[in-house]
C-alpha atoms as a PDB file:
ATOM      1  CA  MET A   1     -10.606  -7.678  28.917  1.00  0.00           C
ATOM      2  CA  ASN A   2      -9.764  -4.105  27.797  1.00  0.00           C
ATOM      3  CA  VAL A   3     -11.010  -2.612  24.543  1.00  0.00           C
ATOM      4  CA  TYR A   4      -7.625  -3.084  22.836  1.00  0.00           C
ATOM      5  CA  SER A   5      -7.628  -6.819  23.533  1.00  0.00           C
ATOM      6  CA  LYS A   6     -11.102  -7.090  22.023  1.00  0.00           C
ATOM      7  CA  ILE A   7      -9.968  -5.716  18.662  1.00  0.00           C
ATOM      8  CA  THR A   8      -6.497  -7.261  18.408  1.00  0.00           C
ATOM      9  CA  SER A   9      -6.276 -11.027  18.245  1.00  0.00           C
ATOM     10  CA  LYS A  10      -3.665 -13.181  16.533  1.00  0.00           C
ATOM     11  CA  GLY A  11      -5.007 -14.622  13.285  1.00  0.00           C
ATOM     12  CA  LYS A  12      -8.137 -12.454  13.322  1.00  0.00           C
ATOM     13  CA  LEU A  13      -9.058  -9.224  11.539  1.00  0.00           C
ATOM     14  CA  THR A  14     -11.362  -6.463  12.766  1.00  0.00           C
ATOM     15  CA  LEU A  15     -12.607  -3.302  11.045  1.00  0.00           C
ATOM     16  CA  GLY A  16     -12.693   0.377  11.915  1.00  0.00           C
ATOM     17  CA  LEU A  17     -13.380   3.669  10.171  1.00  0.00           C
ATOM     18  CA  VAL A  18     -11.444   6.923  10.110  1.00  0.00           C
ATOM     19  CA  PHE A  19     -12.935  10.399  10.379  1.00  0.00           C
ATOM     20  CA  PRO A  20     -14.210  12.180   8.358  1.00  0.00           C
ATOM     21  CA  LEU A  21     -16.966   9.621   7.922  1.00  0.00           C
ATOM     22  CA  GLU A  22     -17.816  11.021   4.501  1.00  0.00           C
ATOM     23  CA  ALA A  23     -16.690  11.367   0.928  1.00  0.00           C
ATOM     24  CA  TYR A  24     -15.159  14.700   0.001  1.00  0.00           C
ATOM     25  CA  SER A  25     -13.180  16.270  -2.796  1.00  0.00           C
ATOM     26  CA  GLY A  26     -10.203  18.520  -2.229  1.00  0.00           C
ATOM     27  CA  ALA A  27      -8.523  18.960   1.128  1.00  0.00           C
ATOM     28  CA  ILE A  28     -11.324  20.018   3.453  1.00  0.00           C
ATOM     29  CA  ALA A  29     -14.252  17.863   4.541  1.00  0.00           C
ATOM     30  CA  LYS A  30     -17.665  19.206   5.501  1.00  0.00           C
ATOM     31  CA  MET A  31     -17.758  17.303   8.811  1.00  0.00           C
ATOM     32  CA  GLU A  32     -21.551  16.983   8.730  1.00  0.00           C
ATOM     33  CA  ASN A  33     -23.613  14.389  10.633  1.00  0.00           C
ATOM     34  CA  GLN A  34     -20.498  12.798  12.063  1.00  0.00           C
ATOM     35  CA  GLU A  35     -22.064  12.131  15.462  1.00  0.00           C
ATOM     36  CA  GLN A  36     -25.010  10.231  13.968  1.00  0.00           C
ATOM     37  CA  LEU A  37     -22.721   8.253  11.687  1.00  0.00           C
ATOM     38  CA  ALA A  38     -20.444   7.383  14.608  1.00  0.00           C
ATOM     39  CA  LYS A  39     -23.415   6.041  16.564  1.00  0.00           C
ATOM     40  CA  ARG A  40     -24.473   3.931  13.599  1.00  0.00           C
ATOM     41  CA  CYS A  41     -20.940   2.549  13.202  1.00  0.00           C
ATOM     42  CA  GLU A  42     -21.102   1.391  16.802  1.00  0.00           C
ATOM     43  CA  GLU A  43     -24.519  -0.215  16.302  1.00  0.00           C
ATOM     44  CA  LEU A  44     -23.336  -2.066  13.189  1.00  0.00           C
ATOM     45  CA  GLY A  45     -20.316  -3.569  14.933  1.00  0.00           C
ATOM     46  CA  PHE A  46     -17.336  -1.558  13.688  1.00  0.00           C
ATOM     47  CA  LYS A  47     -14.674  -1.906  16.378  1.00  0.00           C
ATOM     48  CA  VAL A  48     -12.768   1.393  16.240  1.00  0.00           C
ATOM     49  CA  LEU A  49     -13.223   5.019  15.232  1.00  0.00           C
ATOM     50  CA  TRP A  50      -9.938   6.676  14.237  1.00  0.00           C
ATOM     51  CA  PHE A  51      -8.967  10.346  14.635  1.00  0.00           C
ATOM     52  CA  ARG A  52      -6.195  11.954  12.603  1.00  0.00           C
ATOM     53  CA  ASP A  53      -3.878  14.679  13.891  1.00  0.00           C
ATOM     54  CA  VAL A  54      -3.285  17.313  11.183  1.00  0.00           C
ATOM     55  CA  PRO A  55      -2.205  20.664  12.691  1.00  0.00           C
ATOM     56  CA  PHE A  56      -2.107  22.641   9.416  1.00  0.00           C
ATOM     57  CA  ASN A  57      -3.662  22.504   5.998  1.00  0.00           C
ATOM     58  CA  ASP A  58      -0.742  22.069   3.607  1.00  0.00           C
ATOM     59  CA  PRO A  59      -2.151  22.772   0.116  1.00  0.00           C
ATOM     60  CA  ASN A  60       0.650  20.698  -1.409  1.00  0.00           C
ATOM     61  CA  PHE A  61      -0.403  17.660   0.612  1.00  0.00           C
ATOM     62  CA  GLY A  62      -4.058  17.775  -0.346  1.00  0.00           C
ATOM     63  CA  ASP A  63      -5.875  16.401   2.704  1.00  0.00           C
ATOM     64  CA  ALA A  64      -6.569  18.209   5.974  1.00  0.00           C
ATOM     65  CA  GLY A  65      -8.188  15.200   7.667  1.00  0.00           C
ATOM     66  CA  GLN A  66     -10.945  15.644  10.230  1.00  0.00           C
ATOM     67  CA  LEU A  67     -10.087  19.344  10.972  1.00  0.00           C
ATOM     68  CA  TYR A  68     -10.566  19.393  14.758  1.00  0.00           C
ATOM     69  CA  ASP A  69      -8.041  18.918  17.522  1.00  0.00           C
ATOM     70  CA  PRO A  70      -8.005  15.113  17.966  1.00  0.00           C
ATOM     71  CA  TRP A  71      -8.279  15.106  21.785  1.00  0.00           C
ATOM     72  CA  ILE A  72     -11.253  17.469  21.739  1.00  0.00           C
ATOM     73  CA  TYR A  73     -12.945  15.603  18.920  1.00  0.00           C
ATOM     74  CA  MET A  74     -12.370  12.235  20.564  1.00  0.00           C
ATOM     75  CA  THR A  75     -14.061  13.604  23.675  1.00  0.00           C
ATOM     76  CA  HIS A  76     -16.974  14.888  21.593  1.00  0.00           C
ATOM     77  CA  ILE A  77     -17.498  11.533  19.863  1.00  0.00           C
ATOM     78  CA  MET A  78     -16.928   9.679  23.144  1.00  0.00           C
ATOM     79  CA  ASN A  79     -19.962  11.511  24.517  1.00  0.00           C
ATOM     80  CA  HIS A  80     -22.092  10.381  21.558  1.00  0.00           C
ATOM     81  CA  THR A  81     -21.121   6.685  21.753  1.00  0.00           C
ATOM     82  CA  LYS A  82     -20.998   4.012  24.440  1.00  0.00           C
ATOM     83  CA  HIS A  83     -18.425   1.299  23.877  1.00  0.00           C
ATOM     84  CA  ILE A  84     -16.674   1.584  20.499  1.00  0.00           C
ATOM     85  CA  ALA A  85     -12.884   2.019  20.753  1.00  0.00           C
ATOM     86  CA  LEU A  86     -11.420   5.453  19.980  1.00  0.00           C
ATOM     87  CA  ALA A  87      -7.920   5.637  18.512  1.00  0.00           C
ATOM     88  CA  THR A  88      -5.586   8.296  17.170  1.00  0.00           C
ATOM     89  CA  GLY A  89      -4.351   7.727  13.669  1.00  0.00           C
ATOM     90  CA  SER A  90      -1.920   9.238  14.447  1.00  0.00           C
ATOM     91  CA  ILE A  91      -0.775  11.712  17.101  1.00  0.00           C
ATOM     92  CA  ILE A  92       2.350  13.551  15.910  1.00  0.00           C
ATOM     93  CA  LEU A  93       4.585  13.123  18.941  1.00  0.00           C
ATOM     94  CA  PRO A  94       7.382  15.580  18.003  1.00  0.00           C
ATOM     95  CA  LEU A  95       4.922  18.464  17.581  1.00  0.00           C
ATOM     96  CA  ARG A  96       3.129  18.023  20.934  1.00  0.00           C
ATOM     97  CA  HIS A  97       4.674  18.308  24.370  1.00  0.00           C
ATOM     98  CA  PRO A  98       4.734  14.837  25.950  1.00  0.00           C
ATOM     99  CA  VAL A  99       3.368  16.124  29.272  1.00  0.00           C
ATOM    100  CA  HIS A 100       0.257  17.460  27.544  1.00  0.00           C
ATOM    101  CA  THR A 101      -0.026  14.264  25.501  1.00  0.00           C
ATOM    102  CA  ALA A 102       0.222  12.063  28.596  1.00  0.00           C
ATOM    103  CA  LYS A 103      -2.317  14.179  30.482  1.00  0.00           C
ATOM    104  CA  SER A 104      -4.743  13.941  27.545  1.00  0.00           C
ATOM    105  CA  ILE A 105      -4.290  10.150  27.407  1.00  0.00           C
ATOM    106  CA  ASN A 106      -4.923   9.699  31.130  1.00  0.00           C
ATOM    107  CA  SER A 107      -7.918  12.026  31.116  1.00  0.00           C
ATOM    108  CA  LEU A 108      -9.577  10.334  28.156  1.00  0.00           C
ATOM    109  CA  GLN A 109      -8.926   6.826  29.443  1.00  0.00           C
ATOM    110  CA  ILE A 110     -10.685   7.620  32.711  1.00  0.00           C
ATOM    111  CA  LEU A 111     -13.547   9.616  31.196  1.00  0.00           C
ATOM    112  CA  SER A 112     -14.183   7.058  28.429  1.00  0.00           C
ATOM    113  CA  LYS A 113     -13.901   4.045  30.759  1.00  0.00           C
ATOM    114  CA  GLU A 114     -10.760   2.823  28.972  1.00  0.00           C
ATOM    115  CA  ARG A 115     -11.774   3.017  25.315  1.00  0.00           C
ATOM    116  CA  ILE A 116      -8.580   4.708  24.088  1.00  0.00           C
ATOM    117  CA  PHE A 117      -5.452   3.557  22.286  1.00  0.00           C
ATOM    118  CA  LEU A 118      -2.966   5.422  20.141  1.00  0.00           C
ATOM    119  CA  GLY A 119      -1.354   5.436  16.788  1.00  0.00           C
ATOM    120  CA  VAL A 120       1.717   7.653  17.107  1.00  0.00           C
ATOM    121  CA  ALA A 121       3.820   9.184  14.332  1.00  0.00           C
ATOM    122  CA  SER A 122       6.555  11.654  13.520  1.00  0.00           C
ATOM    123  CA  GLY A 123       4.428  13.477  10.932  1.00  0.00           C
ATOM    124  CA  ASP A 124       4.308  13.384   7.153  1.00  0.00           C
ATOM    125  CA  ARG A 125       4.250  17.140   6.412  1.00  0.00           C
ATOM    126  CA  PRO A 126       7.725  18.655   6.861  1.00  0.00           C
ATOM    127  CA  ILE A 127       6.376  22.188   6.413  1.00  0.00           C
ATOM    128  CA  GLU A 128       4.722  21.948   9.858  1.00  0.00           C
ATOM    129  CA  TYR A 129       7.975  21.624  11.815  1.00  0.00           C
ATOM    130  CA  PRO A 130       9.097  25.304  11.633  1.00  0.00           C
ATOM    131  CA  ALA A 131       5.688  26.413  12.951  1.00  0.00           C
ATOM    132  CA  PHE A 132       6.462  24.491  16.161  1.00  0.00           C
ATOM    133  CA  ASN A 133      10.067  25.725  16.259  1.00  0.00           C
ATOM    134  CA  GLN A 134      11.309  22.183  15.766  1.00  0.00           C
ATOM    135  CA  ASN A 135      14.173  21.054  13.569  1.00  0.00           C
ATOM    136  CA  LEU A 136      13.075  18.506  10.981  1.00  0.00           C
ATOM    137  CA  ASP A 137      16.537  16.931  11.142  1.00  0.00           C
ATOM    138  CA  ASN A 138      15.763  15.891  14.723  1.00  0.00           C
ATOM    139  CA  LYS A 139      12.461  14.240  13.813  1.00  0.00           C
ATOM    140  CA  SER A 140      13.483  10.662  14.613  1.00  0.00           C
ATOM    141  CA  GLU A 141      15.138  11.575  17.898  1.00  0.00           C
ATOM    142  CA  LEU A 142      12.240  13.845  18.897  1.00  0.00           C
ATOM    143  CA  PHE A 143       9.846  10.953  18.338  1.00  0.00           C
ATOM    144  CA  ARG A 144      11.842   8.568  20.544  1.00  0.00           C
ATOM    145  CA  ASP A 145      12.308  11.184  23.261  1.00  0.00           C
ATOM    146  CA  SER A 146       8.593  11.969  23.406  1.00  0.00           C
ATOM    147  CA  PHE A 147       7.665   8.258  23.289  1.00  0.00           C
ATOM    148  CA  PHE A 148       9.815   7.378  26.295  1.00  0.00           C
ATOM    149  CA  TYR A 149       8.863  10.529  28.217  1.00  0.00           C
ATOM    150  CA  ILE A 150       5.166   9.618  27.879  1.00  0.00           C
ATOM    151  CA  LYS A 151       5.925   6.112  29.128  1.00  0.00           C
ATOM    152  CA  ALA A 152       7.827   7.535  32.118  1.00  0.00           C
ATOM    153  CA  LEU A 153       4.942   9.859  33.005  1.00  0.00           C
ATOM    154  CA  GLN A 154       2.703   6.857  33.679  1.00  0.00           C
ATOM    155  CA  LYS A 155       4.668   6.227  36.895  1.00  0.00           C
ATOM    156  CA  ASP A 156       4.184   7.959  40.246  1.00  0.00           C
ATOM    157  CA  PHE A 157       6.373  11.040  40.709  1.00  0.00           C
ATOM    158  CA  PRO A 158       8.429  10.275  37.600  1.00  0.00           C
ATOM    159  CA  ASN A 159      12.129  11.042  37.452  1.00  0.00           C
ATOM    160  CA  TYR A 160      12.936  11.502  33.777  1.00  0.00           C
ATOM    161  CA  THR A 161      15.288  13.737  31.815  1.00  0.00           C
ATOM    162  CA  SER A 162      14.332  14.520  28.241  1.00  0.00           C
ATOM    163  CA  LYS A 163      16.817  15.976  25.773  1.00  0.00           C
ATOM    164  CA  PHE A 164      14.206  18.117  24.022  1.00  0.00           C
ATOM    165  CA  TYR A 165      11.198  18.523  26.293  1.00  0.00           C
ATOM    166  CA  GLY A 166      12.477  19.165  29.826  1.00  0.00           C
ATOM    167  CA  SER A 167      12.712  16.937  32.884  1.00  0.00           C
ATOM    168  CA  THR A 168      11.022  15.892  36.091  1.00  0.00           C
ATOM    169  CA  ASN A 169      12.989  15.305  39.265  1.00  0.00           C
ATOM    170  CA  GLY A 170      10.551  13.131  41.156  1.00  0.00           C
ATOM    171  CA  GLY A 171       9.153  16.090  43.087  1.00  0.00           C
ATOM    172  CA  ILE A 172       6.049  16.525  40.915  1.00  0.00           C
ATOM    173  CA  ASP A 173       3.391  14.109  39.774  1.00  0.00           C
ATOM    174  CA  LEU A 174       1.143  14.071  36.721  1.00  0.00           C
ATOM    175  CA  LEU A 175      -2.610  13.978  37.361  1.00  0.00           C
ATOM    176  CA  PRO A 176      -5.019  12.360  36.751  1.00  0.00           C
ATOM    177  CA  LYS A 177      -3.423   8.961  37.283  1.00  0.00           C
ATOM    178  CA  TYR A 178      -4.081   6.094  34.905  1.00  0.00           C
ATOM    179  CA  TYR A 179      -1.943   3.136  35.912  1.00  0.00           C
ATOM    180  CA  LYS A 180      -2.695   0.712  33.095  1.00  0.00           C
ATOM    181  CA  LYS A 181      -0.627   0.779  29.926  1.00  0.00           C
ATOM    182  CA  THR A 182      -2.189   2.677  27.029  1.00  0.00           C
ATOM    183  CA  PRO A 183      -1.203   0.851  23.818  1.00  0.00           C
ATOM    184  CA  MET A 184       0.914   2.926  21.405  1.00  0.00           C
ATOM    185  CA  LEU A 185       1.335   1.690  17.814  1.00  0.00           C
ATOM    186  CA  VAL A 186       4.037   3.232  15.655  1.00  0.00           C
ATOM    187  CA  THR A 187       2.783   4.528  12.306  1.00  0.00           C
ATOM    188  CA  GLY A 188       4.936   3.753   9.273  1.00  0.00           C
ATOM    189  CA  HIS A 189       8.503   3.887  10.510  1.00  0.00           C
ATOM    190  CA  SER A 190       8.366   7.342  12.141  1.00  0.00           C
ATOM    191  CA  GLY A 191      12.102   7.557  11.598  1.00  0.00           C
ATOM    192  CA  GLN A 192      12.764   4.321  13.512  1.00  0.00           C
ATOM    193  CA  SER A 193      14.132   0.935  12.542  1.00  0.00           C
ATOM    194  CA  LEU A 194      11.737  -1.969  12.390  1.00  0.00           C
ATOM    195  CA  ASP A 195      13.750  -3.615  15.156  1.00  0.00           C
ATOM    196  CA  TRP A 196      13.053  -0.601  17.407  1.00  0.00           C
ATOM    197  CA  ILE A 197       9.342  -0.703  16.574  1.00  0.00           C
ATOM    198  CA  ALA A 198       9.161  -4.431  17.330  1.00  0.00           C
ATOM    199  CA  GLU A 199      10.942  -3.926  20.648  1.00  0.00           C
ATOM    200  CA  TYR A 200       9.144  -0.889  22.064  1.00  0.00           C
ATOM    201  CA  SER A 201       5.773  -0.405  20.364  1.00  0.00           C
ATOM    202  CA  ASP A 202       2.518  -2.207  21.080  1.00  0.00           C
ATOM    203  CA  GLY A 203       1.993  -2.866  17.387  1.00  0.00           C
ATOM    204  CA  TRP A 204       2.658  -1.542  13.902  1.00  0.00           C
ATOM    205  CA  LEU A 205       0.305   0.701  11.924  1.00  0.00           C
ATOM    206  CA  TYR A 206       1.113   0.659   8.206  1.00  0.00           C
ATOM    207  CA  TYR A 207      -0.187   1.704   4.790  1.00  0.00           C
ATOM    208  CA  PRO A 208      -2.069  -0.115   2.000  1.00  0.00           C
ATOM    209  CA  ARG A 209       0.146  -2.317  -0.151  1.00  0.00           C
ATOM    210  CA  ASP A 210      -0.455  -4.757  -2.996  1.00  0.00           C
ATOM    211  CA  PHE A 211      -0.503  -8.360  -1.858  1.00  0.00           C
ATOM    212  CA  LYS A 212       3.084  -9.268  -2.810  1.00  0.00           C
ATOM    213  CA  PRO A 213       4.680  -6.213  -1.131  1.00  0.00           C
ATOM    214  CA  LEU A 214       2.412  -6.781   1.861  1.00  0.00           C
ATOM    215  CA  GLN A 215       3.632 -10.350   2.228  1.00  0.00           C
ATOM    216  CA  MET A 216       7.210  -9.063   2.252  1.00  0.00           C
ATOM    217  CA  VAL A 217       6.332  -6.419   4.868  1.00  0.00           C
ATOM    218  CA  MET A 218       4.624  -9.026   7.044  1.00  0.00           C
ATOM    219  CA  HIS A 219       7.673 -11.290   6.770  1.00  0.00           C
ATOM    220  CA  GLN A 220       9.929  -8.421   7.880  1.00  0.00           C
ATOM    221  CA  TRP A 221       7.607  -7.667  10.786  1.00  0.00           C
ATOM    222  CA  ARG A 222       7.653 -11.263  11.990  1.00  0.00           C
ATOM    223  CA  GLU A 223      11.446 -11.402  11.681  1.00  0.00           C
ATOM    224  CA  ALA A 224      11.775  -8.218  13.739  1.00  0.00           C
ATOM    225  CA  LEU A 225       9.444  -9.593  16.421  1.00  0.00           C
ATOM    226  CA  THR A 226      11.415 -12.838  16.570  1.00  0.00           C
ATOM    227  CA  LYS A 227      14.650 -10.881  16.916  1.00  0.00           C
ATOM    228  CA  ALA A 228      13.082  -8.867  19.749  1.00  0.00           C
ATOM    229  CA  LYS A 229      11.891 -12.122  21.367  1.00  0.00           C
ATOM    230  CA  LYS A 230       8.246 -11.078  21.062  1.00  0.00           C
ATOM    231  CA  ASP A 231       5.727 -13.797  20.284  1.00  0.00           C
ATOM    232  CA  TRP A 232       3.251 -11.495  18.514  1.00  0.00           C
ATOM    233  CA  LYS A 233       2.178  -7.896  18.213  1.00  0.00           C
ATOM    234  CA  PRO A 234      -0.707  -6.650  16.051  1.00  0.00           C
ATOM    235  CA  PHE A 235      -0.304  -5.310  12.542  1.00  0.00           C
ATOM    236  CA  MET A 236      -2.843  -2.741  11.355  1.00  0.00           C
ATOM    237  CA  GLN A 237      -3.261  -0.894   8.067  1.00  0.00           C
ATOM    238  CA  SER A 238      -5.428   1.708   6.366  1.00  0.00           C
ATOM    239  CA  LEU A 239      -7.444   1.117   3.177  1.00  0.00           C
ATOM    240  CA  TYR A 240      -9.475   3.482   0.987  1.00  0.00           C
ATOM    241  CA  VAL A 241     -12.686   1.926  -0.313  1.00  0.00           C
ATOM    242  CA  ASP A 242     -15.687   2.846  -2.424  1.00  0.00           C
ATOM    243  CA  ILE A 243     -18.586   0.377  -2.470  1.00  0.00           C
ATOM    244  CA  THR A 244     -20.951   0.064  -5.426  1.00  0.00           C
ATOM    245  CA  ASN A 245     -24.641  -0.881  -5.418  1.00  0.00           C
ATOM    246  CA  ASP A 246     -23.716  -4.106  -7.189  1.00  0.00           C
ATOM    247  CA  SER A 247     -22.344  -6.548  -4.608  1.00  0.00           C
ATOM    248  CA  LYS A 248     -20.585  -8.551  -7.330  1.00  0.00           C
ATOM    249  CA  ALA A 249     -18.805  -5.593  -8.972  1.00  0.00           C
ATOM    250  CA  LYS A 250     -15.132  -6.297  -9.701  1.00  0.00           C
ATOM    251  CA  PRO A 251     -12.461  -4.033  -8.189  1.00  0.00           C
ATOM    252  CA  THR A 252     -11.112  -0.956  -9.951  1.00  0.00           C
ATOM    253  CA  PRO A 253      -8.227   1.065  -8.461  1.00  0.00           C
ATOM    254  CA  ILE A 254      -8.640   4.283  -6.505  1.00  0.00           C
ATOM    255  CA  HIS A 255      -5.927   6.099  -4.542  1.00  0.00           C
ATOM    256  CA  LEU A 256      -4.600   3.717  -1.856  1.00  0.00           C
ATOM    257  CA  GLY A 257      -7.457   1.299  -2.372  1.00  0.00           C
ATOM    258  CA  PHE A 258     -10.246   0.214  -4.693  1.00  0.00           C
ATOM    259  CA  LYS A 259     -13.864   0.550  -5.723  1.00  0.00           C
ATOM    260  CA  SER A 260     -15.818  -2.718  -5.739  1.00  0.00           C
ATOM    261  CA  GLY A 261     -18.867  -4.569  -4.533  1.00  0.00           C
ATOM    262  CA  THR A 262     -19.008  -6.084  -1.084  1.00  0.00           C
ATOM    263  CA  ASP A 263     -18.186  -9.577  -2.419  1.00  0.00           C
ATOM    264  CA  TYR A 264     -14.708  -8.497  -3.457  1.00  0.00           C
ATOM    265  CA  LEU A 265     -14.237  -6.417  -0.301  1.00  0.00           C
ATOM    266  CA  ASN A 266     -14.894  -9.548   1.746  1.00  0.00           C
ATOM    267  CA  THR A 267     -12.443 -11.549  -0.374  1.00  0.00           C
ATOM    268  CA  HIS A 268      -9.780  -8.841  -0.107  1.00  0.00           C
ATOM    269  CA  LEU A 269     -10.128  -8.568   3.661  1.00  0.00           C
ATOM    270  CA  LYS A 270     -10.035 -12.348   4.099  1.00  0.00           C
ATOM    271  CA  LEU A 271      -6.737 -12.395   2.210  1.00  0.00           C
ATOM    272  CA  LEU A 272      -5.375  -9.645   4.456  1.00  0.00           C
ATOM    273  CA  GLU A 273      -6.459 -11.690   7.467  1.00  0.00           C
ATOM    274  CA  SER A 274      -4.687 -14.767   6.086  1.00  0.00           C
ATOM    275  CA  TYR A 275      -1.466 -12.741   5.716  1.00  0.00           C
ATOM    276  CA  GLY A 276      -1.641 -11.696   9.363  1.00  0.00           C
ATOM    277  CA  VAL A 277      -3.284  -8.261   9.233  1.00  0.00           C
ATOM    278  CA  ASN A 278      -5.223  -7.752  12.477  1.00  0.00           C
ATOM    279  CA  HIS A 279      -7.151  -4.546  11.868  1.00  0.00           C
ATOM    280  CA  VAL A 280      -8.079  -2.496   8.793  1.00  0.00           C
ATOM    281  CA  ILE A 281      -8.948   1.194   8.998  1.00  0.00           C
ATOM    282  CA  LEU A 282     -11.402   1.961   6.210  1.00  0.00           C
ATOM    283  CA  ASN A 283     -11.352   5.441   4.688  1.00  0.00           C
ATOM    284  CA  LEU A 284     -14.418   6.636   2.742  1.00  0.00           C
ATOM    285  CA  LYS A 285     -12.889   9.807   1.268  1.00  0.00           C
ATOM    286  CA  TYR A 286     -13.275   8.660  -2.350  1.00  0.00           C
ATOM    287  CA  GLY A 287     -16.767   7.226  -1.961  1.00  0.00           C
ATOM    288  CA  SER A 288     -19.138   7.827  -4.870  1.00  0.00           C
ATOM    289  CA  ARG A 289     -22.205   7.331  -2.639  1.00  0.00           C
ATOM    290  CA  PRO A 290     -23.250   9.024   0.614  1.00  0.00           C
ATOM    291  CA  ALA A 291     -21.287   7.831   3.640  1.00  0.00           C
ATOM    292  CA  ASN A 292     -24.385   6.543   5.422  1.00  0.00           C
ATOM    293  CA  GLU A 293     -25.078   4.187   2.495  1.00  0.00           C
ATOM    294  CA  LEU A 294     -21.495   2.916   2.451  1.00  0.00           C
ATOM    295  CA  ILE A 295     -21.494   2.385   6.213  1.00  0.00           C
ATOM    296  CA  GLU A 296     -24.783   0.461   6.062  1.00  0.00           C
ATOM    297  CA  GLU A 297     -23.545  -1.667   3.149  1.00  0.00           C
ATOM    298  CA  ILE A 298     -20.299  -2.595   4.889  1.00  0.00           C
ATOM    299  CA  GLY A 299     -22.007  -3.017   8.236  1.00  0.00           C
ATOM    300  CA  GLU A 300     -24.623  -5.415   6.913  1.00  0.00           C
ATOM    301  CA  ASN A 301     -22.579  -7.406   4.359  1.00  0.00           C
ATOM    302  CA  VAL A 302     -18.975  -7.312   5.607  1.00  0.00           C
ATOM    303  CA  ILE A 303     -18.794  -6.725   9.359  1.00  0.00           C
ATOM    304  CA  PRO A 304     -20.533 -10.048  10.228  1.00  0.00           C
ATOM    305  CA  ASN A 305     -17.657 -11.899   8.533  1.00  0.00           C
ATOM    306  CA  PHE A 306     -15.053 -10.213  10.771  1.00  0.00           C
ATOM    307  CA  SER A 307     -16.696 -10.091  14.174  1.00  0.00           C
END
């Protein structure tokens, strides 16, 4: 069983964490003690560590993510852990050449002993597109072109013509070879219809929603899968959390999530599981306590309920 199968199961929910594994104000994190925290996440039973892809700091956006190139940082954390899954959340396909993306995927899969899967996206910061000499109006088409080019590059001596990124004529081959399929989950809509996502992706990676809107989104996802004649594909989402010292503390809103005790966090996650959510990516950016305390609290009082 590959690492992706271990964290995605119909009717079950698993938990992961996104870098930076810390609370921080403003756009730029300190990125301190991340290796030690990653090791502890693995020991406590978190299933996935997620790596964002943010090429530029856009002051109007307000969050620069984990700062480092995601492939390099995944490799760094890979070398400090043993078995926890490593996922991109999410690689911006239109702003990276698909040949380089495919080569990075293959390299990391082999070096990590198959611990990698991908969230892929078209990007949420339009100001970045001119820096890559790409036309924002082509964003949706660029995403599809890159997506299918990467898929084609998994074959021996691929013969593929891309509208935007070039072509191979079957006379060259991409190395190293990794013959198994690397799962690719579409983030948000990435300029695509839900029918397209249901047909071609390996799952859907979405954003925090209140329970009623989430139920509607889940209904739409199931309808799209039925239309595509797919029995099931995983649904994942992010969630910002801050955990208090009082396990019974009631929830209060924070941006894209809530502050509460672990009792409510368990209740909230169980509801998400009942709606069909298969994995939740916890973000500690707005934590009011040190990240190591939050990780220990969740690891000891929440993770055992979702193992």
